[in-house]
Amino acid sequence: YKTKLDKEGFLVLNWHNKSDVLEIPFWKVVNGEIEKGYFKDKIVAIGTSAVSLADTKSSPLDRYLPGVKMHTTYMNNLLNSNAIQPVDTKTNVLIIFIFVLVASILLFKINSNIINAISIVFLIGIYFALSLWLLYQYNLWIDLAYPIFLILATYTIVYVVKFIRKSTSNKISNNSNINGDSNIIKEQPNKGNKYTLNHKQIHTISLFFF
């Protein structure tokens, strides 16, 4: 049997349910309550479960776990080849790049802030579902925190950029209107004095007194 370790020689255990390992109190064996030959051709791990013996650990499933169960979990992973395999750095970076790129395109293409927020939440949900699917189906572990953080950071950055662009555009438009009001004044002869001011016509009438 073979299993893949990381660069530092560690293995991420795939913790199994309690029903996967049969627990038999040692006193039943001593009292002869277990039939002869019961342990033949079986892997038997002997350990203690009393908390006072200080041989307890913690796991994602149990707060107090007898130390021997860590060994049985490792043996279970080794025999079934189902240990958790973290995805390598290059694959993680590629996945992060794809999701951040999709988030950027959506944010720049969609003008509504509400739809943008819904799209980001939906994208994060897709990534979370993908990570769970890979974990349960193929025992692959992809990074979860960094991609979600980068997607939210992308949303924030794009929102700020769009806000700055919109503010700059409005400022330029206002300056253009002010310049038009002060400079575009034309005099129309023969019909009294007629001026054009920002698309509004102002008529003046000349009165002559004899």
Protein backbone atom coordinates (compact mmCIF):
# COMPACT_ATOMS: atom_id res chain seq x y z
CA TYR A 1 0.00 0.00 0.00
CA LYS A 2 1.17 3.49 -0.83
CA THR A 3 0.09 6.96 0.20
CA LYS A 4 1.23 10.39 -0.90
CA LEU A 5 2.86 12.68 1.66
CA ASP A 6 3.50 16.39 1.30
CA LYS A 7 6.97 17.96 1.09
CA GLU A 8 7.30 17.99 4.88
CA GLY A 9 6.23 14.37 5.25
CA PHE A 10 2.73 15.06 6.56
CA LEU A 11 -0.55 13.42 5.60
CA VAL A 12 -4.02 14.94 5.85
CA LEU A 13 -6.18 12.26 7.43
CA ASN A 14 -9.62 11.48 6.09
CA TRP A 15 -11.47 11.00 9.36
CA HIS A 16 -13.97 8.17 9.23
CA ASN A 17 -17.15 7.61 11.17
CA LYS A 18 -17.09 5.67 14.43
CA SER A 19 -19.00 2.82 12.76
CA ASP A 20 -16.05 2.15 10.43
CA VAL A 21 -14.00 0.71 13.30
CA LEU A 22 -15.37 -1.85 15.70
CA GLU A 23 -14.57 -1.13 19.33
CA ILE A 24 -14.39 -4.03 21.78
CA PRO A 25 -13.74 -3.42 25.49
CA PHE A 26 -10.70 -5.31 26.67
CA TRP A 27 -12.54 -6.75 29.67
CA LYS A 28 -14.77 -8.75 27.30
CA VAL A 29 -11.68 -10.42 25.85
CA VAL A 30 -10.30 -11.17 29.33
CA ASN A 31 -13.63 -12.63 30.50
CA GLY A 32 -13.85 -14.82 27.43
CA GLU A 33 -16.95 -13.17 26.03
CA ILE A 34 -15.34 -12.98 22.58
CA GLU A 35 -15.32 -16.26 20.69
CA LYS A 36 -12.04 -17.87 19.71
CA GLY A 37 -10.72 -17.02 16.28
CA TYR A 38 -12.69 -13.78 16.14
CA PHE A 39 -9.53 -11.71 15.59
CA LYS A 40 -8.04 -14.05 12.99
CA ASP A 41 -6.98 -12.28 9.76
CA LYS A 42 -8.00 -8.92 11.23
CA ILE A 43 -5.99 -5.83 12.05
CA VAL A 44 -6.20 -5.21 15.79
CA ALA A 45 -5.12 -1.97 17.45
CA ILE A 46 -4.88 -2.00 21.25
CA GLY A 47 -5.10 1.27 23.14
CA THR A 48 -6.65 3.09 26.05
CA SER A 49 -9.67 5.36 26.14
CA ALA A 50 -9.51 6.74 29.70
CA VAL A 51 -9.02 10.53 29.73
CA SER A 52 -6.98 10.28 32.94
CA LEU A 53 -4.23 8.41 31.06
CA ALA A 54 -3.58 11.56 28.97
CA ASP A 55 -3.66 9.63 25.69
CA THR A 56 -6.46 11.68 24.12
CA LYS A 57 -6.32 13.86 21.03
CA SER A 58 -8.77 16.08 19.23
CA SER A 59 -10.05 15.75 15.68
CA PRO A 60 -12.57 17.49 13.42
CA LEU A 61 -15.17 14.94 14.58
CA ASP A 62 -14.31 14.41 18.25
CA ARG A 63 -13.20 16.69 21.03
CA TYR A 64 -11.63 13.86 22.99
CA LEU A 65 -10.28 11.10 20.80
CA PRO A 66 -8.28 8.11 22.11
CA GLY A 67 -4.80 8.20 20.63
CA VAL A 68 -5.18 4.70 19.21
CA LYS A 69 -7.94 5.94 16.92
CA MET A 70 -5.47 8.17 15.12
CA HIS A 71 -3.55 5.03 14.21
CA THR A 72 -6.70 3.23 13.08
CA THR A 73 -7.67 6.25 10.97
CA TYR A 74 -4.29 6.23 9.29
CA MET A 75 -4.53 2.48 8.64
CA ASN A 76 -8.02 3.00 7.21
CA ASN A 77 -6.72 5.71 4.85
CA LEU A 78 -3.77 3.58 3.83
CA LEU A 79 -5.80 0.45 3.12
CA ASN A 80 -8.54 2.29 1.22
CA SER A 81 -6.26 4.86 -0.46
CA ASN A 82 -8.65 7.63 0.57
CA ALA A 83 -6.41 10.07 2.42
CA ILE A 84 -7.01 13.77 1.70
CA GLN A 85 -4.71 15.03 -1.04
CA PRO A 86 -4.09 18.80 -1.05
CA VAL A 87 -3.97 20.24 -4.56
CA ASP A 88 -0.55 21.54 -5.62
CA THR A 89 0.21 25.27 -5.67
CA LYS A 90 0.09 25.64 -9.48
CA THR A 91 -3.40 24.15 -9.68
CA ASN A 92 -4.61 26.38 -6.84
CA VAL A 93 -3.21 29.47 -8.56
CA LEU A 94 -4.88 28.48 -11.84
CA ILE A 95 -8.26 27.97 -10.17
CA ILE A 96 -7.95 31.29 -8.33
CA PHE A 97 -7.00 33.09 -11.58
CA ILE A 98 -10.02 31.68 -13.43
CA PHE A 99 -12.52 32.67 -10.73
CA VAL A 100 -11.02 36.15 -10.25
CA LEU A 101 -11.05 36.69 -14.03
CA VAL A 102 -14.71 35.66 -14.25
CA ALA A 103 -15.54 37.96 -11.32
CA SER A 104 -13.78 40.90 -12.99
CA ILE A 105 -15.59 40.38 -16.30
CA LEU A 106 -18.98 40.17 -14.59
CA LEU A 107 -18.35 43.28 -12.52
CA PHE A 108 -17.25 45.38 -15.50
CA LYS A 109 -20.03 44.16 -17.78
CA ILE A 110 -22.89 44.63 -15.29
CA ASN A 111 -23.75 48.18 -14.27
CA SER A 112 -26.25 47.42 -11.50
CA ASN A 113 -24.63 47.28 -8.06
CA ILE A 114 -27.32 44.93 -6.73
CA ILE A 115 -26.85 42.46 -9.58
CA ASN A 116 -23.08 42.71 -9.11
CA ALA A 117 -23.40 41.78 -5.44
CA ILE A 118 -25.72 38.87 -6.26
CA SER A 119 -23.31 37.66 -8.95
CA ILE A 120 -20.38 37.67 -6.51
CA VAL A 121 -22.35 35.75 -3.89
CA PHE A 122 -23.42 33.25 -6.56
CA LEU A 123 -19.81 32.88 -7.78
CA ILE A 124 -18.56 32.25 -4.24
CA GLY A 125 -21.33 29.67 -3.80
CA ILE A 126 -20.20 27.89 -6.97
CA TYR A 127 -16.61 27.80 -5.76
CA PHE A 128 -17.65 26.49 -2.35
CA ALA A 129 -19.79 23.77 -3.95
CA LEU A 130 -16.91 22.84 -6.27
CA SER A 131 -14.50 22.49 -3.36
CA LEU A 132 -16.94 20.22 -1.47
CA TRP A 133 -17.59 18.11 -4.57
CA LEU A 134 -13.87 17.56 -5.17
CA LEU A 135 -13.35 16.71 -1.51
CA TYR A 136 -16.16 14.16 -1.23
CA GLN A 137 -15.79 12.61 -4.67
CA TYR A 138 -12.02 12.59 -5.20
CA ASN A 139 -10.55 13.44 -1.75
CA LEU A 140 -8.97 16.57 -3.25
CA TRP A 141 -8.52 19.61 -1.07
CA ILE A 142 -8.36 23.00 -2.79
CA ASP A 143 -7.79 26.28 -0.99
CA LEU A 144 -10.99 27.90 0.19
CA ALA A 145 -10.06 31.05 2.10
CA TYR A 146 -7.68 32.72 -0.38
CA PRO A 147 -9.95 32.47 -3.46
CA ILE A 148 -12.99 33.81 -1.60
CA PHE A 149 -10.90 36.65 -0.17
CA LEU A 150 -9.53 37.53 -3.62
CA ILE A 151 -13.00 37.45 -5.19
CA LEU A 152 -14.27 39.87 -2.53
CA ALA A 153 -11.16 42.03 -2.98
CA THR A 154 -11.78 42.09 -6.75
CA TYR A 155 -15.37 43.19 -6.14
CA THR A 156 -14.19 46.01 -3.88
CA ILE A 157 -11.48 47.20 -6.28
CA VAL A 158 -13.74 47.14 -9.35
CA TYR A 159 -16.49 48.96 -7.43
CA VAL A 160 -14.03 51.71 -6.41
CA VAL A 161 -12.68 52.00 -9.98
CA LYS A 162 -16.19 52.28 -11.43
CA PHE A 163 -17.11 54.89 -8.81
CA ILE A 164 -14.01 56.97 -9.64
CA ARG A 165 -14.68 56.72 -13.38
CA LYS A 166 -18.29 57.77 -12.90
CA SER A 167 -17.31 60.72 -10.69
CA THR A 168 -14.68 61.86 -13.20
CA SER A 169 -17.16 61.57 -16.07
CA ASN A 170 -19.76 63.65 -14.19
CA LYS A 171 -17.16 66.30 -13.36
CA ILE A 172 -16.08 66.59 -17.00
CA SER A 173 -19.71 66.83 -18.09
CA ASN A 174 -20.42 69.61 -15.58
CA ASN A 175 -17.33 71.57 -16.68
CA SER A 176 -18.43 71.23 -20.30
CA ASN A 177 -21.87 72.63 -19.48
CA ILE A 178 -20.35 75.59 -17.61
CA ASN A 179 -18.02 76.41 -20.51
CA GLY A 180 -20.92 76.17 -22.92
CA ASP A 181 -23.00 78.56 -20.84
CA SER A 182 -20.24 81.18 -20.77
CA ASN A 183 -18.88 80.93 -24.31
CA ILE A 184 -21.61 79.87 -26.72
CA ILE A 185 -23.50 83.11 -27.15
CA LYS A 186 -24.40 84.11 -30.65
CA GLU A 187 -26.02 87.30 -31.80
CA GLN A 188 -28.75 87.03 -34.39
CA PRO A 189 -29.26 90.31 -36.39
CA ASN A 190 -32.37 91.63 -38.15
CA LYS A 191 -34.79 90.20 -35.57
CA GLY A 192 -34.02 92.45 -32.70
CA ASN A 193 -31.15 91.13 -30.61
CA LYS A 194 -31.43 87.36 -30.27
CA TYR A 195 -29.01 85.32 -28.17
CA THR A 196 -28.55 81.61 -27.71
CA LEU A 197 -27.56 80.56 -24.19
CA ASN A 198 -27.18 76.84 -23.46
CA HIS A 199 -29.94 75.94 -25.96
CA LYS A 200 -32.27 78.55 -24.43
CA GLN A 201 -33.17 81.56 -26.55
CA ILE A 202 -33.37 85.01 -25.01
CA HIS A 203 -35.03 87.80 -27.05
CA THR A 204 -34.45 91.49 -26.48
CA ILE A 205 -36.59 94.23 -28.04
CA SER A 206 -35.07 97.61 -28.96
CA LEU A 207 -37.37 100.59 -28.31
CA PHE A 208 -36.79 103.82 -30.18
CA PHE A 209 -38.18 107.06 -28.83
CA PHE A 210 -38.59 110.06 -31.14
